[in-house]
N, C-alpha and C. Protein backbone atom coordinates (compact mmCIF):
# COMPACT_ATOMS: atom_id res chain seq x y z
N MET A 1 -30.81 -37.16 -45.61
CA MET A 1 -31.34 -37.09 -44.27
C MET A 1 -30.39 -36.31 -43.39
N LYS A 2 -30.94 -35.42 -42.62
CA LYS A 2 -30.15 -34.56 -41.76
C LYS A 2 -29.90 -35.24 -40.42
N ARG A 3 -28.67 -35.23 -39.98
CA ARG A 3 -28.34 -35.84 -38.69
C ARG A 3 -28.77 -34.91 -37.56
N PRO A 4 -29.23 -35.48 -36.46
CA PRO A 4 -29.63 -34.62 -35.34
C PRO A 4 -28.40 -33.95 -34.72
N ARG A 5 -28.62 -32.75 -34.24
CA ARG A 5 -27.55 -32.00 -33.61
C ARG A 5 -27.13 -32.69 -32.32
N LYS A 6 -25.84 -32.67 -32.06
CA LYS A 6 -25.31 -33.32 -30.89
C LYS A 6 -25.83 -32.62 -29.63
N GLY A 7 -26.33 -33.41 -28.71
CA GLY A 7 -26.83 -32.84 -27.47
C GLY A 7 -28.24 -32.29 -27.58
N ALA A 8 -28.90 -32.50 -28.70
CA ALA A 8 -30.23 -31.94 -28.88
C ALA A 8 -31.24 -32.58 -27.94
N GLY A 9 -30.98 -33.77 -27.47
CA GLY A 9 -31.92 -34.45 -26.59
C GLY A 9 -31.84 -33.97 -25.15
N ARG A 10 -30.84 -33.18 -24.82
CA ARG A 10 -30.69 -32.72 -23.44
C ARG A 10 -31.66 -31.59 -23.14
N PRO A 11 -32.05 -31.49 -21.87
CA PRO A 11 -32.91 -30.36 -21.52
C PRO A 11 -32.12 -29.06 -21.57
N PRO A 12 -32.79 -27.96 -21.76
CA PRO A 12 -32.08 -26.68 -21.81
C PRO A 12 -31.42 -26.36 -20.46
N ALA A 13 -30.40 -25.54 -20.53
CA ALA A 13 -29.69 -25.15 -19.31
C ALA A 13 -30.64 -24.39 -18.39
N ALA A 14 -30.32 -24.40 -17.09
CA ALA A 14 -31.18 -23.74 -16.10
C ALA A 14 -31.25 -22.25 -16.38
N ARG A 15 -32.43 -21.73 -16.23
CA ARG A 15 -32.64 -20.29 -16.40
C ARG A 15 -32.51 -19.63 -15.03
N HIS A 16 -31.51 -18.80 -14.89
CA HIS A 16 -31.29 -18.12 -13.62
C HIS A 16 -32.19 -16.90 -13.54
N PRO A 17 -32.62 -16.56 -12.33
CA PRO A 17 -33.49 -15.39 -12.21
C PRO A 17 -32.77 -14.12 -12.65
N LYS A 18 -33.50 -13.26 -13.33
CA LYS A 18 -32.92 -12.01 -13.83
C LYS A 18 -32.68 -11.03 -12.69
N LYS A 19 -33.53 -11.07 -11.68
CA LYS A 19 -33.42 -10.11 -10.58
C LYS A 19 -32.25 -10.49 -9.70
N LYS A 20 -31.35 -9.53 -9.49
CA LYS A 20 -30.18 -9.76 -8.66
C LYS A 20 -30.43 -9.18 -7.27
N PRO A 21 -29.87 -9.79 -6.24
CA PRO A 21 -30.07 -9.24 -4.89
C PRO A 21 -29.41 -7.87 -4.75
N SER A 22 -30.01 -7.03 -3.94
CA SER A 22 -29.50 -5.68 -3.73
C SER A 22 -28.47 -5.69 -2.60
N VAL A 23 -27.83 -4.55 -2.42
CA VAL A 23 -26.87 -4.40 -1.32
C VAL A 23 -27.60 -4.52 0.01
N GLU A 24 -28.83 -4.03 0.07
CA GLU A 24 -29.61 -4.12 1.30
C GLU A 24 -29.86 -5.58 1.68
N ALA A 25 -30.09 -6.41 0.67
CA ALA A 25 -30.30 -7.84 0.94
C ALA A 25 -29.02 -8.49 1.47
N ILE A 26 -27.88 -8.04 0.95
CA ILE A 26 -26.60 -8.56 1.44
C ILE A 26 -26.37 -8.12 2.88
N LEU A 27 -26.64 -6.84 3.16
CA LEU A 27 -26.44 -6.31 4.51
C LEU A 27 -27.43 -6.91 5.50
N ALA A 28 -28.58 -7.36 5.03
CA ALA A 28 -29.55 -8.00 5.92
C ALA A 28 -29.02 -9.33 6.45
N GLU A 29 -28.04 -9.91 5.79
CA GLU A 29 -27.45 -11.17 6.22
C GLU A 29 -26.18 -10.95 7.03
N ARG A 30 -26.12 -9.84 7.73
CA ARG A 30 -24.94 -9.49 8.53
C ARG A 30 -24.59 -10.58 9.54
N SER A 31 -25.60 -11.11 10.20
CA SER A 31 -25.33 -12.12 11.23
C SER A 31 -24.68 -13.37 10.64
N THR A 32 -25.11 -13.76 9.46
CA THR A 32 -24.52 -14.93 8.81
C THR A 32 -23.06 -14.66 8.46
N ILE A 33 -22.81 -13.50 7.88
CA ILE A 33 -21.45 -13.15 7.47
C ILE A 33 -20.54 -13.06 8.69
N MET A 34 -21.01 -12.39 9.76
CA MET A 34 -20.18 -12.24 10.95
C MET A 34 -19.92 -13.58 11.62
N ALA A 35 -20.88 -14.48 11.59
CA ALA A 35 -20.67 -15.81 12.18
C ALA A 35 -19.56 -16.55 11.43
N VAL A 36 -19.53 -16.44 10.12
CA VAL A 36 -18.49 -17.10 9.34
C VAL A 36 -17.13 -16.45 9.63
N ILE A 37 -17.10 -15.13 9.73
CA ILE A 37 -15.85 -14.42 9.99
C ILE A 37 -15.28 -14.84 11.35
N VAL A 38 -16.14 -14.88 12.36
CA VAL A 38 -15.69 -15.27 13.71
C VAL A 38 -15.23 -16.72 13.72
N ALA A 39 -16.00 -17.59 13.07
CA ALA A 39 -15.64 -19.02 13.05
C ALA A 39 -14.35 -19.28 12.29
N SER A 40 -14.00 -18.40 11.38
CA SER A 40 -12.77 -18.57 10.59
C SER A 40 -11.53 -18.16 11.36
N GLY A 41 -11.71 -17.52 12.50
CA GLY A 41 -10.56 -17.15 13.32
C GLY A 41 -10.00 -15.77 13.05
N VAL A 42 -10.79 -14.89 12.45
CA VAL A 42 -10.34 -13.51 12.21
C VAL A 42 -10.28 -12.79 13.56
N PRO A 43 -9.17 -12.11 13.87
CA PRO A 43 -9.07 -11.40 15.15
C PRO A 43 -10.15 -10.31 15.25
N ALA A 44 -10.53 -9.99 16.48
CA ALA A 44 -11.61 -9.02 16.70
C ALA A 44 -11.28 -7.66 16.11
N ARG A 45 -10.01 -7.29 16.11
CA ARG A 45 -9.63 -5.97 15.59
C ARG A 45 -9.84 -5.85 14.08
N ASP A 46 -9.87 -6.99 13.37
CA ASP A 46 -9.97 -6.97 11.91
C ASP A 46 -11.35 -7.36 11.38
N ARG A 47 -12.28 -7.70 12.26
CA ARG A 47 -13.57 -8.22 11.78
C ARG A 47 -14.36 -7.21 10.97
N ALA A 48 -14.36 -5.96 11.37
CA ALA A 48 -15.12 -4.94 10.62
C ALA A 48 -14.54 -4.78 9.21
N ASP A 49 -13.22 -4.81 9.11
CA ASP A 49 -12.60 -4.67 7.79
C ASP A 49 -12.92 -5.87 6.89
N VAL A 50 -12.85 -7.06 7.46
CA VAL A 50 -13.15 -8.26 6.67
C VAL A 50 -14.63 -8.27 6.26
N PHE A 51 -15.51 -7.83 7.18
CA PHE A 51 -16.94 -7.75 6.84
C PHE A 51 -17.15 -6.82 5.65
N GLN A 52 -16.48 -5.68 5.68
CA GLN A 52 -16.61 -4.74 4.57
C GLN A 52 -16.08 -5.36 3.27
N ASN A 53 -14.98 -6.08 3.35
CA ASN A 53 -14.45 -6.75 2.15
C ASN A 53 -15.43 -7.78 1.62
N VAL A 54 -16.08 -8.51 2.51
CA VAL A 54 -17.04 -9.53 2.09
C VAL A 54 -18.23 -8.87 1.38
N VAL A 55 -18.77 -7.81 1.97
CA VAL A 55 -19.93 -7.14 1.35
C VAL A 55 -19.56 -6.58 -0.02
N MET A 56 -18.40 -5.91 -0.09
CA MET A 56 -18.00 -5.33 -1.38
C MET A 56 -17.66 -6.41 -2.41
N GLY A 57 -17.02 -7.49 -1.95
CA GLY A 57 -16.69 -8.58 -2.87
C GLY A 57 -17.93 -9.29 -3.40
N ALA A 58 -18.89 -9.53 -2.49
CA ALA A 58 -20.13 -10.19 -2.91
C ALA A 58 -20.90 -9.29 -3.87
N TRP A 59 -20.99 -8.02 -3.56
CA TRP A 59 -21.76 -7.10 -4.41
C TRP A 59 -21.11 -6.98 -5.79
N SER A 60 -19.78 -6.87 -5.86
CA SER A 60 -19.15 -6.74 -7.17
C SER A 60 -19.27 -8.03 -7.98
N SER A 61 -19.19 -9.17 -7.31
CA SER A 61 -19.33 -10.42 -8.06
C SER A 61 -20.77 -10.63 -8.53
N ILE A 62 -21.74 -10.16 -7.76
CA ILE A 62 -23.13 -10.23 -8.20
C ILE A 62 -23.34 -9.35 -9.42
N LYS A 63 -22.76 -8.16 -9.39
CA LYS A 63 -22.90 -7.25 -10.54
C LYS A 63 -22.23 -7.83 -11.79
N ARG A 64 -21.16 -8.59 -11.62
CA ARG A 64 -20.47 -9.18 -12.77
C ARG A 64 -21.16 -10.43 -13.29
N GLY A 65 -22.18 -10.90 -12.58
CA GLY A 65 -22.94 -12.05 -13.04
C GLY A 65 -22.41 -13.39 -12.55
N LEU A 66 -21.61 -13.37 -11.51
CA LEU A 66 -21.07 -14.63 -10.98
C LEU A 66 -22.03 -15.31 -10.02
N TYR A 67 -23.05 -14.62 -9.59
CA TYR A 67 -24.06 -15.19 -8.69
C TYR A 67 -25.18 -15.75 -9.55
N ARG A 68 -25.26 -17.08 -9.64
CA ARG A 68 -26.27 -17.73 -10.46
C ARG A 68 -26.93 -18.86 -9.67
N PRO A 69 -27.91 -18.52 -8.85
CA PRO A 69 -28.56 -19.58 -8.05
C PRO A 69 -29.46 -20.44 -8.93
N ALA A 70 -29.70 -21.64 -8.48
CA ALA A 70 -30.61 -22.53 -9.19
C ALA A 70 -32.03 -21.98 -9.06
N PRO A 71 -32.84 -22.06 -10.11
CA PRO A 71 -34.18 -21.48 -10.06
C PRO A 71 -35.09 -22.15 -9.03
N ARG A 72 -34.85 -23.39 -8.70
CA ARG A 72 -35.72 -24.08 -7.76
C ARG A 72 -35.40 -23.76 -6.30
N ASP A 73 -34.23 -23.14 -6.03
CA ASP A 73 -33.82 -22.82 -4.66
C ASP A 73 -34.56 -21.59 -4.13
N ASP A 74 -34.73 -21.59 -2.83
CA ASP A 74 -35.29 -20.42 -2.16
C ASP A 74 -34.29 -19.27 -2.32
N PRO A 75 -34.72 -18.07 -2.75
CA PRO A 75 -33.77 -16.98 -3.01
C PRO A 75 -32.93 -16.60 -1.78
N ARG A 76 -33.55 -16.59 -0.60
CA ARG A 76 -32.79 -16.19 0.60
C ARG A 76 -31.76 -17.25 0.97
N LYS A 77 -32.13 -18.52 0.86
CA LYS A 77 -31.18 -19.59 1.16
C LYS A 77 -30.03 -19.60 0.16
N ALA A 78 -30.34 -19.33 -1.10
CA ALA A 78 -29.29 -19.29 -2.11
C ALA A 78 -28.33 -18.13 -1.84
N LEU A 79 -28.87 -16.98 -1.45
CA LEU A 79 -28.02 -15.83 -1.14
C LEU A 79 -27.17 -16.11 0.09
N ARG A 80 -27.75 -16.73 1.09
CA ARG A 80 -26.99 -17.08 2.30
C ARG A 80 -25.84 -18.03 1.97
N GLY A 81 -26.10 -19.01 1.17
CA GLY A 81 -25.05 -19.95 0.78
C GLY A 81 -23.93 -19.26 0.01
N TYR A 82 -24.31 -18.36 -0.87
CA TYR A 82 -23.31 -17.62 -1.64
C TYR A 82 -22.48 -16.73 -0.73
N LEU A 83 -23.15 -16.01 0.19
CA LEU A 83 -22.43 -15.14 1.12
C LEU A 83 -21.54 -15.96 2.05
N TYR A 84 -21.99 -17.16 2.42
CA TYR A 84 -21.16 -18.03 3.25
C TYR A 84 -19.86 -18.36 2.52
N ALA A 85 -19.96 -18.70 1.24
CA ALA A 85 -18.77 -19.06 0.47
C ALA A 85 -17.83 -17.87 0.32
N VAL A 86 -18.39 -16.70 0.02
CA VAL A 86 -17.55 -15.50 -0.15
C VAL A 86 -16.88 -15.14 1.17
N ALA A 87 -17.66 -15.17 2.27
CA ALA A 87 -17.11 -14.81 3.57
C ALA A 87 -16.03 -15.80 4.00
N ARG A 88 -16.25 -17.06 3.76
CA ARG A 88 -15.26 -18.07 4.13
C ARG A 88 -13.96 -17.87 3.35
N HIS A 89 -14.10 -17.63 2.05
CA HIS A 89 -12.93 -17.43 1.21
C HIS A 89 -12.12 -16.21 1.65
N LEU A 90 -12.79 -15.07 1.82
CA LEU A 90 -12.09 -13.84 2.18
C LEU A 90 -11.54 -13.89 3.61
N SER A 91 -12.26 -14.56 4.52
CA SER A 91 -11.77 -14.69 5.89
C SER A 91 -10.50 -15.53 5.94
N MET A 92 -10.50 -16.63 5.23
CA MET A 92 -9.31 -17.48 5.22
C MET A 92 -8.15 -16.79 4.52
N HIS A 93 -8.47 -16.01 3.50
CA HIS A 93 -7.42 -15.25 2.83
C HIS A 93 -6.79 -14.26 3.81
N HIS A 94 -7.62 -13.61 4.62
CA HIS A 94 -7.11 -12.65 5.60
C HIS A 94 -6.29 -13.35 6.69
N VAL A 95 -6.82 -14.44 7.22
CA VAL A 95 -6.14 -15.14 8.32
C VAL A 95 -4.79 -15.68 7.85
N ASN A 96 -4.70 -16.15 6.64
CA ASN A 96 -3.46 -16.74 6.14
C ASN A 96 -2.50 -15.73 5.52
N SER A 97 -2.89 -14.46 5.47
CA SER A 97 -2.00 -13.46 4.88
C SER A 97 -0.83 -13.19 5.82
N ALA A 98 0.28 -12.81 5.24
CA ALA A 98 1.48 -12.54 6.04
C ALA A 98 1.26 -11.37 6.97
N TRP A 99 0.51 -10.38 6.53
CA TRP A 99 0.26 -9.22 7.39
C TRP A 99 -0.45 -9.62 8.66
N ALA A 100 -1.50 -10.42 8.55
CA ALA A 100 -2.28 -10.81 9.73
C ALA A 100 -1.48 -11.74 10.64
N ARG A 101 -0.59 -12.54 10.08
CA ARG A 101 0.19 -13.46 10.90
C ARG A 101 1.29 -12.76 11.66
N ARG A 102 1.81 -11.68 11.12
CA ARG A 102 2.98 -11.04 11.74
C ARG A 102 2.68 -9.70 12.40
N ALA A 103 1.53 -9.15 12.20
CA ALA A 103 1.22 -7.83 12.76
C ALA A 103 1.02 -7.93 14.26
N VAL A 104 1.69 -7.03 14.97
CA VAL A 104 1.54 -6.94 16.41
C VAL A 104 1.24 -5.48 16.72
N LEU A 105 0.00 -5.19 17.10
CA LEU A 105 -0.38 -3.83 17.42
C LEU A 105 -0.13 -3.56 18.89
N THR A 106 0.46 -2.43 19.16
CA THR A 106 0.75 -2.05 20.53
C THR A 106 0.64 -0.55 20.67
N GLU A 107 0.36 -0.09 21.89
CA GLU A 107 0.21 1.34 22.12
C GLU A 107 1.56 2.05 22.06
N GLN A 108 2.61 1.39 22.48
CA GLN A 108 3.95 1.98 22.51
C GLN A 108 4.89 1.16 21.62
N PRO A 109 4.82 1.35 20.29
CA PRO A 109 5.66 0.51 19.43
C PRO A 109 7.15 0.77 19.62
N LEU A 110 7.55 1.99 19.96
CA LEU A 110 8.97 2.25 20.14
C LEU A 110 9.51 1.61 21.41
N GLY A 111 8.62 1.32 22.37
CA GLY A 111 9.06 0.67 23.60
C GLY A 111 9.47 -0.78 23.38
N MET A 112 9.06 -1.37 22.27
CA MET A 112 9.40 -2.77 21.99
C MET A 112 10.77 -2.92 21.33
N LEU A 113 11.37 -1.80 20.90
CA LEU A 113 12.65 -1.87 20.21
C LEU A 113 13.78 -2.15 21.20
N ARG A 114 14.74 -2.91 20.76
CA ARG A 114 15.88 -3.23 21.62
C ARG A 114 16.93 -2.13 21.58
N GLU A 115 17.01 -1.41 20.46
CA GLU A 115 18.01 -0.37 20.29
C GLU A 115 17.34 0.95 19.99
N LEU A 116 18.10 2.03 20.11
CA LEU A 116 17.58 3.34 19.77
C LEU A 116 17.36 3.44 18.26
N VAL A 117 16.36 4.20 17.88
CA VAL A 117 16.07 4.39 16.48
C VAL A 117 16.75 5.67 16.02
N GLY A 118 17.32 5.65 14.84
CA GLY A 118 17.93 6.83 14.28
C GLY A 118 19.44 6.81 14.46
N PRO A 119 20.08 7.91 14.01
CA PRO A 119 21.53 7.96 14.09
C PRO A 119 22.01 8.01 15.55
N ASP A 120 23.15 7.44 15.77
CA ASP A 120 23.70 7.46 17.13
C ASP A 120 24.23 8.86 17.45
N LEU A 121 24.68 9.03 18.67
CA LEU A 121 25.10 10.34 19.14
C LEU A 121 26.31 10.86 18.38
N GLU A 122 27.25 9.98 18.06
CA GLU A 122 28.44 10.40 17.32
C GLU A 122 28.08 10.90 15.93
N ALA A 123 27.14 10.22 15.28
CA ALA A 123 26.72 10.65 13.94
C ALA A 123 26.01 12.00 14.00
N GLN A 124 25.25 12.24 15.06
CA GLN A 124 24.58 13.53 15.20
C GLN A 124 25.59 14.66 15.41
N VAL A 125 26.63 14.40 16.19
CA VAL A 125 27.68 15.40 16.42
C VAL A 125 28.42 15.68 15.12
N ALA A 126 28.73 14.64 14.36
CA ALA A 126 29.43 14.82 13.09
C ALA A 126 28.57 15.61 12.10
N ALA A 127 27.29 15.32 12.07
CA ALA A 127 26.39 16.05 11.17
C ALA A 127 26.31 17.52 11.57
N ARG A 128 26.30 17.78 12.87
CA ARG A 128 26.27 19.17 13.34
C ARG A 128 27.55 19.90 12.95
N GLU A 129 28.69 19.22 13.02
CA GLU A 129 29.95 19.83 12.60
C GLU A 129 29.92 20.20 11.13
N VAL A 130 29.40 19.29 10.31
CA VAL A 130 29.34 19.56 8.87
C VAL A 130 28.42 20.74 8.59
N LEU A 131 27.29 20.81 9.27
CA LEU A 131 26.38 21.94 9.06
C LEU A 131 27.01 23.26 9.49
N GLU A 132 27.73 23.25 10.58
CA GLU A 132 28.40 24.48 11.02
C GLU A 132 29.49 24.88 10.04
N ALA A 133 30.20 23.91 9.48
CA ALA A 133 31.24 24.21 8.50
C ALA A 133 30.62 24.78 7.23
N VAL A 134 29.50 24.22 6.79
CA VAL A 134 28.82 24.75 5.60
C VAL A 134 28.31 26.15 5.87
N ALA A 135 27.81 26.41 7.06
CA ALA A 135 27.29 27.73 7.40
C ALA A 135 28.39 28.78 7.45
N SER A 136 29.62 28.37 7.74
CA SER A 136 30.71 29.34 7.82
C SER A 136 31.31 29.68 6.46
N LEU A 137 30.93 28.97 5.42
CA LEU A 137 31.44 29.26 4.07
C LEU A 137 30.79 30.52 3.51
N PRO A 138 31.45 31.16 2.54
CA PRO A 138 30.81 32.31 1.87
C PRO A 138 29.55 31.87 1.11
N ASP A 139 28.70 32.82 0.81
CA ASP A 139 27.41 32.51 0.17
C ASP A 139 27.58 31.77 -1.16
N TRP A 140 28.51 32.20 -2.01
CA TRP A 140 28.64 31.58 -3.32
C TRP A 140 29.10 30.13 -3.19
N GLN A 141 29.94 29.83 -2.19
CA GLN A 141 30.37 28.44 -1.99
C GLN A 141 29.24 27.59 -1.43
N ARG A 142 28.47 28.17 -0.51
CA ARG A 142 27.31 27.43 0.03
C ARG A 142 26.32 27.12 -1.07
N GLU A 143 26.06 28.09 -1.93
CA GLU A 143 25.12 27.89 -3.03
C GLU A 143 25.62 26.82 -3.99
N ALA A 144 26.92 26.82 -4.25
CA ALA A 144 27.49 25.81 -5.15
C ALA A 144 27.38 24.41 -4.54
N LEU A 145 27.57 24.29 -3.22
CA LEU A 145 27.44 22.98 -2.58
C LEU A 145 25.99 22.50 -2.56
N LEU A 146 25.06 23.41 -2.37
CA LEU A 146 23.66 23.02 -2.27
C LEU A 146 23.04 22.67 -3.61
N ILE A 147 23.64 23.14 -4.72
CA ILE A 147 23.09 22.83 -6.03
C ILE A 147 23.26 21.35 -6.36
N VAL A 148 24.20 20.69 -5.71
CA VAL A 148 24.41 19.26 -5.96
C VAL A 148 23.16 18.47 -5.59
N ASP A 149 22.43 18.90 -4.56
CA ASP A 149 21.23 18.19 -4.11
C ASP A 149 19.97 18.65 -4.84
N ALA A 150 20.07 19.66 -5.69
CA ALA A 150 18.89 20.17 -6.40
C ALA A 150 18.49 19.21 -7.51
N PRO A 151 17.20 19.23 -7.91
CA PRO A 151 16.77 18.32 -8.97
C PRO A 151 17.31 18.68 -10.35
N GLU A 152 17.69 19.94 -10.54
CA GLU A 152 18.20 20.31 -11.86
C GLU A 152 19.71 20.03 -11.95
N ALA A 153 20.19 19.90 -13.15
CA ALA A 153 21.61 19.61 -13.38
C ALA A 153 22.43 20.87 -13.15
N LEU A 154 23.72 20.68 -12.96
CA LEU A 154 24.62 21.80 -12.72
C LEU A 154 24.65 22.74 -13.92
N THR A 155 24.61 22.19 -15.12
CA THR A 155 24.64 23.04 -16.33
C THR A 155 23.36 23.86 -16.43
N ALA A 156 22.21 23.27 -16.10
CA ALA A 156 20.95 24.02 -16.14
C ALA A 156 20.96 25.12 -15.09
N TRP A 157 21.50 24.83 -13.93
CA TRP A 157 21.60 25.84 -12.88
C TRP A 157 22.50 26.99 -13.33
N ALA A 158 23.62 26.66 -13.99
CA ALA A 158 24.55 27.69 -14.47
C ALA A 158 23.90 28.54 -15.56
N LYS A 159 23.20 27.92 -16.48
CA LYS A 159 22.55 28.67 -17.56
C LYS A 159 21.45 29.58 -17.03
N ALA A 160 20.74 29.15 -15.98
CA ALA A 160 19.69 29.99 -15.39
C ALA A 160 20.29 31.24 -14.76
N ARG A 161 21.55 31.20 -14.35
CA ARG A 161 22.22 32.34 -13.74
C ARG A 161 23.16 33.03 -14.73
N ARG A 162 23.05 32.68 -15.98
CA ARG A 162 23.87 33.25 -17.06
C ARG A 162 25.35 33.11 -16.76
N MET A 163 25.69 31.88 -16.41
CA MET A 163 27.06 31.55 -16.04
C MET A 163 27.54 30.43 -16.96
N ASN A 164 28.81 30.42 -17.22
CA ASN A 164 29.40 29.36 -18.01
C ASN A 164 29.36 28.08 -17.17
N PRO A 165 28.94 26.93 -17.74
CA PRO A 165 28.92 25.69 -16.97
C PRO A 165 30.29 25.30 -16.40
N SER A 166 31.36 25.64 -17.10
CA SER A 166 32.69 25.35 -16.58
C SER A 166 32.98 26.17 -15.33
N THR A 167 32.50 27.41 -15.30
CA THR A 167 32.68 28.25 -14.12
C THR A 167 31.92 27.66 -12.94
N ALA A 168 30.70 27.17 -13.19
CA ALA A 168 29.91 26.56 -12.12
C ALA A 168 30.60 25.31 -11.58
N ALA A 169 31.17 24.50 -12.46
CA ALA A 169 31.88 23.31 -12.02
C ALA A 169 33.12 23.69 -11.21
N SER A 170 33.80 24.73 -11.64
CA SER A 170 34.98 25.20 -10.92
C SER A 170 34.60 25.71 -9.53
N ARG A 171 33.51 26.46 -9.44
CA ARG A 171 33.05 26.94 -8.14
C ARG A 171 32.68 25.78 -7.21
N LEU A 172 32.05 24.77 -7.77
CA LEU A 172 31.70 23.60 -6.96
C LEU A 172 32.96 22.90 -6.45
N ARG A 173 33.97 22.76 -7.30
CA ARG A 173 35.22 22.13 -6.88
C ARG A 173 35.90 22.93 -5.78
N ILE A 174 35.94 24.24 -5.92
CA ILE A 174 36.57 25.11 -4.92
C ILE A 174 35.80 25.03 -3.60
N ALA A 175 34.46 25.01 -3.67
CA ALA A 175 33.64 24.94 -2.45
C ALA A 175 33.85 23.60 -1.74
N ARG A 176 33.97 22.53 -2.49
CA ARG A 176 34.22 21.22 -1.86
C ARG A 176 35.58 21.19 -1.16
N GLU A 177 36.58 21.75 -1.82
CA GLU A 177 37.91 21.80 -1.21
C GLU A 177 37.89 22.65 0.06
N ALA A 178 37.19 23.78 0.03
CA ALA A 178 37.12 24.65 1.21
C ALA A 178 36.40 23.95 2.36
N LEU A 179 35.33 23.22 2.05
CA LEU A 179 34.61 22.49 3.09
C LEU A 179 35.48 21.38 3.68
N ALA A 180 36.19 20.66 2.83
CA ALA A 180 37.06 19.59 3.33
C ALA A 180 38.16 20.17 4.22
N LEU A 181 38.71 21.33 3.85
CA LEU A 181 39.76 21.96 4.65
C LEU A 181 39.23 22.38 6.02
N LYS A 182 38.02 22.98 6.05
CA LYS A 182 37.43 23.39 7.33
C LYS A 182 37.17 22.19 8.22
N LEU A 183 36.66 21.11 7.64
CA LEU A 183 36.36 19.92 8.45
C LEU A 183 37.64 19.29 8.99
N ARG A 184 38.73 19.29 8.20
CA ARG A 184 39.99 18.75 8.68
C ARG A 184 40.53 19.56 9.85
N ARG A 185 40.41 20.89 9.77
CA ARG A 185 40.88 21.74 10.85
C ARG A 185 40.08 21.53 12.13
N TRP A 186 38.75 21.37 11.99
CA TRP A 186 37.91 21.25 13.17
C TRP A 186 38.09 19.90 13.85
N ARG A 187 38.40 18.89 13.09
CA ARG A 187 38.48 17.55 13.68
C ARG A 187 39.85 17.24 14.27
N ARG A 188 40.80 18.14 14.14
CA ARG A 188 42.14 17.90 14.71
C ARG A 188 42.18 18.24 16.16
């Protein structure tokens, strides 16, 4: 005698409707979504962005098959309930995010700073001195100093100019010494 399969006496699982709501149906519930967003405490400046996130999140989850209303429910009420849940979740996520809690938008953001932004006046003068000293060097020394900041290595730079890498290193050393000497003279 064959034993009955476990759970065979249970009714079959609910059959969800095959037809999925369209994006137009989601957008038709704009008032419901916006009411949830406003009630969740999303600032007025962010409501349009959160609304867009809700519509895109709901649409992508519907396409993935996560929207499964009960067959006995009214389709519009089921969609409204689903959109309510998505909107509430995304609104609370936005309100509790660090960006939304700490962001302060202002027309004059630099006016809120206590100190000046950027290098101070002494650093600007020192940088100008260094640039003038570099400009006064001969071309080959300037080129040797500037190759240090290039993306290619010193040996690759030397080979591209058909120069011995040791010669390029020597030129760089001489240029650094000449720059240091000029800066010492100017700062005395």
